[in-house]
Amino acid sequence: MDPLFDPAEFRIPPGVAHVCAGGETPFLRRHDAALLAYAADKSAGAPGRAAQEARVARARDLAAAAWGVNPADIGFCAHVAEGVSLVVESLDWREGDNVVMDPDEYPSVVAPAALRRHPRVEVRHARMKDPEAVAAAVDGQTRLIGVSHVSYLTGERFDLAPLRRIADRVGALLVVDHTQAAGYLPIRPHLADFAFAATYKWLLGMTGTAIAYWNRARQPAWAPATAGWHSLATGTARPDYAGGLALVPDAMRFARGNPAHASLYVLASALEWLSQHEAEAVRRHVQALTTALLARLREAGIPSTTPEDPARHGASVCIATPEAAGLARVLQERGVWAWNGRGRVRFSFHGYNGMADVERIMAALRATWRA
C-alpha cells in the first residue's frame, strides 16, 4: 500500500520512516509560504493586522467545517492545558466536589482540576473503556468527566457516547481532548460540553494554537472566570470599566489575548490542504497501517498495549518497555523515527506513510528487540 499523501510535500528526509505523528508531524512545505505571508502582514501596519484577523477567521471556518459545527462554536487557545484550565476555573466549586478521569489520562486534562486549592477537588480514577466503572465512580458531586478521545499512552480509542450519558445522569460536564484523533478520525464534538485539540499533530499545524469548541446548545450561559482585551465585546471602543465588561458572544472568548497569528496562518494552510482529502479515506488508510503493524508484532512475539481491533484504537501502536529510550535511539539510527516517553515507544501513522514504513519498523525491531 502506497502513501495516501505525497511524502514529497512534507519535510521528510529521504530513507526515513517518519512514524511519530503522535508527537510531531513533519512540516508541509507549503507552510513556508504561510509563514512568509504572516511576516509580510505583520510588517504592514494596520492593513496587515486586518489581514491577520482575516486569516484567523479563515482558520476558524475551516476548523468548523472539519468538525461539522458553526464557526461561532470554534475558538482558539494556546494549548489544551489552557482551554481545560479556562473551563475548570469557570466552575463554582464546592467542598466535596470531584472529577473523574482515566488513571492514564494526559496531564493537560487532569492537572487543572488536580491542582486546585480553594477548595481542593477530588480526582477519581476510572477506566474510560469501562462505562460501568465510570458510572460507579460518579455521584451527585461529580462536576466534570475528562477524557481523551484516543489515549496518548496506549493508542486506545474510547467510546464517548456512554460517557455522555453518564455525565448527563449526574449533571456533570464532559470535556474531551481530541488531540490524538483530530486529523484522521471523524470528530463528533456535539457529544462534549467542551472539546479541544492541539494542532501540531495529525492536523499538520504547529505549536501555539489549539482548537477550542464550546457546545453553546448545552452550555449557553458559560463564561470563563478571566478575560483579556481580545475576549471582551468592546470592539474598537474604550472599555467602560465602571459600567461592567461583556464577553464576546462566541467561542473566541477562549482567546483572552492575541491569537498566535503565525501558527494560525499555518493551521489555515494545513486545513486547506487536508480538505482536499476525503476524511474517511484518511481514516481507512491510517488504520490499515496500524492493524498491519499490530498483526506483524503479534507474529513476531512483540507485545503491544494497543488493542488490535481497529474500532478500539487510533493511529498509534505502542510498545511498553523499560528500555524505551534506548530502543527509540536504535530505531532512529536505523531510519525509523518513532516517539519515546512514559515508558513506551509509539509508532504513529498519517497519510504520508505506507506499507513500506511498516516493513521498515519490523525489520528494525527484529534486529534489536531481543537484544
Protein backbone atom coordinates (compact mmCIF):
# COMPACT_ATOMS: atom_id res chain seq x y z
CA MET A 1 0.00 0.00 0.00
CA ASP A 2 1.45 3.31 -1.12
CA PRO A 3 1.16 6.54 0.87
CA LEU A 4 -2.13 8.40 0.53
CA PHE A 5 -0.35 11.78 0.70
CA ASP A 6 2.67 12.60 -1.44
CA PRO A 7 5.61 12.42 1.01
CA ALA A 8 7.50 14.92 -1.19
CA GLU A 9 5.08 17.61 0.04
CA PHE A 10 6.47 17.18 3.56
CA ARG A 11 9.88 17.81 5.11
CA ILE A 12 10.68 14.11 5.47
CA PRO A 13 14.33 13.18 4.87
CA PRO A 14 14.93 10.50 2.23
CA GLY A 15 15.08 6.96 3.54
CA VAL A 16 13.25 7.73 6.79
CA ALA A 17 10.08 6.10 8.11
CA HIS A 18 8.54 9.13 9.85
CA VAL A 19 6.12 7.48 12.28
CA CYS A 20 5.87 9.99 15.12
CA ALA A 21 2.69 11.87 14.24
CA GLY A 22 1.51 11.37 17.82
CA GLY A 23 4.37 13.65 18.88
CA GLU A 24 5.04 15.92 15.92
CA THR A 25 4.17 15.56 12.26
CA PRO A 26 6.64 16.78 9.64
CA PHE A 27 6.05 20.26 8.26
CA LEU A 28 4.22 20.66 4.99
CA ARG A 29 6.43 22.53 2.54
CA ARG A 30 3.53 24.81 1.67
CA HIS A 31 3.72 26.21 5.20
CA ASP A 32 6.86 28.13 4.21
CA ALA A 33 4.64 30.42 2.14
CA ALA A 34 2.15 30.72 5.02
CA LEU A 35 4.88 31.91 7.39
CA LEU A 36 6.22 34.36 4.83
CA ALA A 37 2.69 35.72 4.37
CA TYR A 38 2.47 36.21 8.11
CA ALA A 39 5.82 38.04 8.15
CA ALA A 40 4.63 40.35 5.37
CA ASP A 41 1.28 41.07 7.06
CA LYS A 42 2.88 41.65 10.45
CA SER A 43 5.09 44.28 8.85
CA ALA A 44 2.26 46.07 7.03
CA GLY A 45 0.78 48.21 9.79
CA ALA A 46 -2.98 48.44 10.26
CA PRO A 47 -3.84 46.80 6.91
CA GLY A 48 -1.55 43.94 7.92
CA ARG A 49 -3.43 43.45 11.18
CA ALA A 50 -6.70 43.29 9.23
CA ALA A 51 -5.12 40.62 7.04
CA GLN A 52 -4.09 38.68 10.13
CA GLU A 53 -7.62 38.75 11.51
CA ALA A 54 -8.93 37.55 8.15
CA ARG A 55 -6.54 34.60 8.31
CA VAL A 56 -7.76 33.78 11.83
CA ALA A 57 -11.33 33.80 10.52
CA ARG A 58 -10.29 31.51 7.65
CA ALA A 59 -8.72 29.00 10.04
CA ARG A 60 -11.84 29.14 12.17
CA ASP A 61 -14.15 28.47 9.22
CA LEU A 62 -12.04 25.52 8.11
CA ALA A 63 -11.90 24.02 11.61
CA ALA A 64 -15.67 24.38 11.98
CA ALA A 65 -16.25 22.72 8.60
CA ALA A 66 -13.97 19.81 9.53
CA TRP A 67 -15.85 19.28 12.80
CA GLY A 68 -19.31 19.93 11.37
CA VAL A 69 -20.20 22.85 13.63
CA ASN A 70 -20.97 26.55 13.40
CA PRO A 71 -17.84 28.76 13.24
CA ALA A 72 -19.16 30.62 16.29
CA ASP A 73 -18.71 27.39 18.29
CA ILE A 74 -14.98 27.34 17.49
CA GLY A 75 -12.34 29.42 19.21
CA PHE A 76 -8.59 29.18 19.73
CA CYS A 77 -6.36 28.97 22.77
CA ALA A 78 -2.65 28.38 23.16
CA HIS A 79 -2.88 24.70 24.05
CA VAL A 80 -5.24 22.13 25.51
CA ALA A 81 -3.99 22.81 29.05
CA GLU A 82 -5.08 26.44 28.75
CA GLY A 83 -8.50 25.53 27.37
CA VAL A 84 -9.23 22.94 30.06
CA SER A 85 -7.98 25.38 32.71
CA LEU A 86 -10.41 28.05 31.50
CA VAL A 87 -13.28 25.57 31.87
CA VAL A 88 -12.15 24.34 35.30
CA GLU A 89 -11.60 27.88 36.59
CA SER A 90 -15.08 28.90 35.46
CA LEU A 91 -16.88 26.44 37.74
CA ASP A 92 -18.22 27.38 41.15
CA TRP A 93 -16.53 24.56 43.05
CA ARG A 94 -17.84 23.40 46.42
CA GLU A 95 -16.24 21.32 49.16
CA GLY A 96 -16.54 17.64 48.30
CA ASP A 97 -16.77 18.13 44.53
CA ASN A 98 -14.93 15.68 42.33
CA VAL A 99 -13.88 14.97 38.76
CA VAL A 100 -13.48 11.57 37.10
CA MET A 101 -10.56 10.77 34.79
CA ASP A 102 -8.79 7.72 33.43
CA PRO A 103 -5.74 6.86 35.59
CA ASP A 104 -3.57 7.19 32.47
CA GLU A 105 -5.14 10.43 31.25
CA TYR A 106 -2.88 13.12 29.78
CA PRO A 107 -1.71 15.73 32.33
CA SER A 108 -3.23 18.65 30.42
CA VAL A 109 -6.69 17.26 31.16
CA VAL A 110 -6.06 16.22 34.77
CA ALA A 111 -3.78 18.90 36.24
CA PRO A 112 -6.12 21.94 36.00
CA ALA A 113 -8.51 20.25 38.44
CA ALA A 114 -5.98 18.26 40.45
CA LEU A 115 -4.00 21.38 41.43
CA ARG A 116 -6.96 23.45 42.57
CA ARG A 117 -6.58 24.61 46.18
CA HIS A 118 -9.65 26.63 47.19
CA PRO A 119 -11.41 24.31 47.52
CA ARG A 120 -9.45 21.18 46.68
CA VAL A 121 -11.10 18.95 44.11
CA GLU A 122 -11.06 15.18 44.45
CA VAL A 123 -9.75 13.41 41.34
CA ARG A 124 -11.34 9.98 40.98
CA HIS A 125 -10.00 7.40 38.57
CA ALA A 126 -11.95 5.01 36.36
CA ARG A 127 -11.00 3.25 33.15
CA MET A 128 -12.79 5.14 30.38
CA LYS A 129 -13.01 1.97 28.30
CA ASP A 130 -15.33 0.58 31.01
CA PRO A 131 -18.52 2.67 31.23
CA GLU A 132 -19.71 0.62 34.21
CA ALA A 133 -16.58 1.59 36.14
CA VAL A 134 -17.11 5.24 35.22
CA ALA A 135 -20.77 5.04 36.29
CA ALA A 136 -19.68 3.57 39.63
CA ALA A 137 -17.15 6.39 40.16
CA VAL A 138 -19.51 9.34 39.63
CA ASP A 139 -22.01 10.75 42.09
CA GLY A 140 -24.07 13.87 42.70
CA GLN A 141 -20.91 15.92 43.33
CA THR A 142 -19.11 14.94 40.14
CA ARG A 143 -18.70 18.18 38.22
CA LEU A 144 -16.65 17.01 35.27
CA ILE A 145 -15.64 13.88 33.36
CA GLY A 146 -12.45 14.44 31.37
CA VAL A 147 -11.26 12.10 28.64
CA SER A 148 -9.00 11.92 25.62
CA HIS A 149 -10.73 10.55 22.53
CA VAL A 150 -7.61 8.43 21.93
CA SER A 151 -5.07 7.65 24.64
CA TYR A 152 -1.64 9.20 24.16
CA LEU A 153 -0.16 6.34 26.22
CA THR A 154 -1.60 3.22 24.58
CA GLY A 155 -3.34 4.40 21.41
CA GLU A 156 -6.66 3.05 22.69
CA ARG A 157 -9.81 4.79 21.44
CA PHE A 158 -12.68 5.43 23.84
CA ASP A 159 -16.40 5.39 23.09
CA LEU A 160 -17.65 8.84 24.06
CA ALA A 161 -21.41 8.20 23.75
CA PRO A 162 -21.81 6.22 27.01
CA LEU A 163 -19.67 8.79 28.82
CA ARG A 164 -22.07 11.48 27.63
CA ARG A 165 -24.99 9.54 29.08
CA ILE A 166 -23.21 9.08 32.41
CA ALA A 167 -22.36 12.78 32.60
CA ASP A 168 -25.97 13.72 31.89
CA ARG A 169 -27.22 11.40 34.61
CA VAL A 170 -25.30 13.26 37.32
CA GLY A 171 -25.27 16.72 35.75
CA ALA A 172 -21.52 16.75 35.02
CA LEU A 173 -19.65 18.34 32.16
CA LEU A 174 -17.99 16.10 29.58
CA VAL A 175 -14.67 17.60 28.45
CA VAL A 176 -12.89 15.85 25.59
CA ASP A 177 -9.35 16.17 24.26
CA HIS A 178 -9.34 15.22 20.57
CA THR A 179 -5.60 15.85 20.09
CA GLN A 180 -4.76 12.21 19.31
CA ALA A 181 -7.75 11.89 16.96
CA ALA A 182 -8.32 15.13 15.04
CA GLY A 183 -6.94 14.99 11.52
CA TYR A 184 -7.68 11.36 10.72
CA LEU A 185 -10.73 10.28 12.78
CA PRO A 186 -14.26 11.67 12.45
CA ILE A 187 -14.87 14.17 15.26
CA ARG A 188 -18.33 14.36 16.87
CA PRO A 189 -17.90 17.42 19.06
CA HIS A 190 -21.60 17.60 19.93
CA LEU A 191 -21.11 14.79 22.45
CA ALA A 192 -18.97 17.07 24.62
CA ASP A 193 -19.74 20.24 26.52
CA PHE A 194 -16.23 21.44 25.66
CA ALA A 195 -13.66 19.89 23.36
CA PHE A 196 -10.10 20.74 22.43
CA ALA A 197 -7.39 19.62 20.04
CA ALA A 198 -3.76 20.61 19.72
CA THR A 199 -2.98 21.31 16.06
CA TYR A 200 0.65 20.23 15.66
CA LYS A 201 -0.04 16.52 15.26
CA TRP A 202 -2.41 14.98 12.68
CA LEU A 203 -3.89 18.40 11.88
CA LEU A 204 -0.46 19.23 10.38
CA GLY A 205 -0.15 22.60 12.10
CA MET A 206 2.40 23.82 14.63
CA THR A 207 2.58 24.57 18.33
CA GLY A 208 0.99 27.75 19.66
CA THR A 209 -2.65 27.05 18.81
CA ALA A 210 -5.29 24.59 19.95
CA ILE A 211 -8.85 24.37 18.67
CA ALA A 212 -11.41 25.10 21.40
CA TYR A 213 -15.04 24.01 20.97
CA TRP A 214 -17.86 25.38 23.12
CA ASN A 215 -21.16 23.49 22.88
CA ARG A 216 -23.36 26.55 23.20
CA ALA A 217 -26.53 24.47 22.87
CA ARG A 218 -25.63 22.51 26.00
CA GLN A 219 -23.93 25.29 27.97
CA PRO A 220 -25.44 28.57 26.71
CA ALA A 221 -24.60 30.54 29.84
CA TRP A 222 -20.96 29.50 30.13
CA ALA A 223 -18.45 32.25 30.79
CA PRO A 224 -14.78 32.00 31.74
CA ALA A 225 -13.72 33.46 35.07
CA THR A 226 -10.97 35.54 33.45
CA ALA A 227 -10.71 37.59 30.28
CA GLY A 228 -8.44 39.87 28.29
CA TRP A 229 -8.83 42.55 25.69
CA HIS A 230 -9.44 40.09 22.86
CA SER A 231 -12.24 38.21 24.63
CA LEU A 232 -14.15 41.38 25.57
CA ALA A 233 -17.02 42.68 23.46
CA THR A 234 -15.74 46.24 23.36
CA GLY A 235 -14.92 46.39 19.65
CA THR A 236 -12.86 49.49 18.91
CA ALA A 237 -14.33 51.43 21.85
CA ARG A 238 -12.56 52.03 25.13
CA PRO A 239 -13.80 49.59 27.79
CA ASP A 240 -16.29 51.02 30.24
CA TYR A 241 -14.81 49.50 33.37
CA ALA A 242 -17.30 51.26 35.65
CA GLY A 243 -20.26 50.05 33.62
CA GLY A 244 -19.15 46.43 33.59
CA LEU A 245 -17.47 44.24 30.99
CA ALA A 246 -19.15 41.94 28.49
CA LEU A 247 -17.54 38.97 26.75
CA VAL A 248 -17.65 38.25 23.04
CA PRO A 249 -20.73 36.10 22.42
CA ASP A 250 -18.98 33.10 20.87
CA ALA A 251 -16.12 30.67 21.43
CA MET A 252 -13.45 33.29 20.72
CA ARG A 253 -13.82 34.10 24.42
CA PHE A 254 -11.22 31.33 24.79
CA ALA A 255 -8.67 33.76 23.27
CA ARG A 256 -8.08 36.26 26.05
CA GLY A 257 -5.24 37.97 24.20
CA ASN A 258 -3.90 37.97 20.67
CA PRO A 259 -4.29 34.59 18.99
CA ALA A 260 -0.99 33.07 17.88
CA HIS A 261 -1.22 34.52 14.39
CA ALA A 262 1.78 32.73 12.88
CA SER A 263 0.50 29.30 13.92
CA LEU A 264 -2.99 30.19 12.65
CA TYR A 265 -1.56 31.05 9.23
CA VAL A 266 -0.02 27.59 9.27
CA LEU A 267 -3.23 25.98 10.54
CA ALA A 268 -5.27 27.59 7.76
CA SER A 269 -2.71 26.28 5.26
CA ALA A 270 -2.88 22.80 6.82
CA LEU A 271 -6.68 22.61 6.95
CA GLU A 272 -6.97 23.82 3.34
CA TRP A 273 -4.57 21.06 2.31
CA LEU A 274 -6.29 18.37 4.40
CA SER A 275 -9.68 19.34 2.98
CA GLN A 276 -8.52 18.02 -0.41
CA HIS A 277 -8.52 14.51 1.08
CA GLU A 278 -11.71 12.66 1.98
CA ALA A 279 -11.69 12.20 5.75
CA GLU A 280 -12.90 8.61 5.65
CA ALA A 281 -10.15 7.71 3.17
CA VAL A 282 -7.55 9.06 5.60
CA ARG A 283 -9.02 7.01 8.45
CA ARG A 284 -9.09 3.82 6.37
CA HIS A 285 -5.52 4.34 5.19
CA VAL A 286 -4.13 5.06 8.65
CA GLN A 287 -5.90 2.15 10.30
CA ALA A 288 -4.84 -0.27 7.58
CA LEU A 289 -1.28 0.55 8.64
CA THR A 290 -1.95 0.22 12.37
CA THR A 291 -3.69 -3.13 12.00
CA ALA A 292 -0.90 -4.39 9.73
CA LEU A 293 1.75 -3.40 12.27
CA LEU A 294 -0.19 -4.92 15.16
CA ALA A 295 -0.53 -8.21 13.25
CA ARG A 296 3.19 -8.31 12.48
CA LEU A 297 4.09 -7.54 16.09
CA ARG A 298 1.90 -10.42 17.24
CA GLU A 299 3.55 -12.78 14.73
CA ALA A 300 6.98 -11.67 15.96
CA GLY A 301 6.05 -12.15 19.62
CA ILE A 302 6.45 -8.45 20.45
CA PRO A 303 3.66 -7.32 22.80
CA SER A 304 1.74 -4.10 22.25
CA THR A 305 -0.52 -2.23 24.67
CA THR A 306 -2.72 -1.08 21.76
CA PRO A 307 -5.94 -3.05 21.14
CA GLU A 308 -5.86 -4.89 17.81
CA ASP A 309 -9.50 -4.12 16.98
CA PRO A 310 -9.42 -1.02 14.71
CA ALA A 311 -12.68 0.15 16.30
CA ARG A 312 -10.78 0.39 19.60
CA HIS A 313 -7.61 2.15 18.54
CA GLY A 314 -6.49 5.29 16.75
CA ALA A 315 -3.46 5.93 14.54
CA SER A 316 -0.79 4.82 17.01
CA VAL A 317 0.71 1.49 18.04
CA CYS A 318 2.50 1.45 21.39
CA ILE A 319 5.09 -0.89 22.88
CA ALA A 320 5.63 -0.60 26.63
CA THR A 321 9.18 -1.34 27.73
CA PRO A 322 11.58 -0.04 30.39
CA GLU A 323 14.13 0.15 27.58
CA ALA A 324 12.00 2.59 25.56
CA ALA A 325 14.62 5.35 25.41
CA GLY A 326 17.36 3.04 24.19
CA LEU A 327 15.06 1.31 21.73
CA ALA A 328 13.95 4.63 20.27
CA ARG A 329 17.59 5.68 19.78
CA VAL A 330 18.42 2.46 17.96
CA LEU A 331 15.33 2.78 15.77
CA GLN A 332 16.33 6.36 14.95
CA GLU A 333 19.75 5.14 13.82
CA ARG A 334 18.00 2.64 11.55
CA GLY A 335 15.85 5.32 9.95
CA VAL A 336 12.66 4.73 11.96
CA TRP A 337 11.58 7.95 13.67
CA ALA A 338 9.24 6.87 16.45
CA TRP A 339 8.25 8.69 19.65
CA ASN A 340 9.64 7.82 23.06
CA GLY A 341 8.42 8.68 26.53
CA ARG A 342 6.38 7.49 29.53
CA GLY A 343 7.99 4.04 29.31
CA ARG A 344 6.79 3.23 25.82
CA VAL A 345 7.70 3.61 22.17
CA ARG A 346 4.87 4.87 19.96
CA PHE A 347 4.57 4.41 16.19
CA SER A 348 2.01 6.83 14.74
CA PHE A 349 0.87 6.85 11.12
CA HIS A 350 -0.56 9.50 8.83
CA GLY A 351 -1.37 9.73 5.14
CA TYR A 352 2.28 10.16 4.12
CA ASN A 353 3.08 6.67 5.44
CA GLY A 354 2.76 3.43 3.52
CA MET A 355 3.29 -0.30 4.00
CA ALA A 356 7.00 0.15 3.34
CA ASP A 357 7.15 2.03 6.65
CA VAL A 358 5.51 -0.91 8.45
CA GLU A 359 8.08 -3.27 6.98
CA ARG A 360 10.92 -0.93 7.92
CA ILE A 361 9.66 -0.78 11.52
CA MET A 362 9.54 -4.57 11.69
CA ALA A 363 12.98 -5.00 10.17
CA ALA A 364 14.43 -2.62 12.74
CA LEU A 365 12.57 -4.24 15.62
CA ARG A 366 13.58 -7.78 14.62
CA ALA A 367 17.20 -6.66 14.59
CA THR A 368 17.05 -5.03 18.02
CA TRP A 369 14.12 -6.36 20.11
CA ARG A 370 15.73 -9.48 21.58
CA ALA A 371 18.90 -7.59 22.44
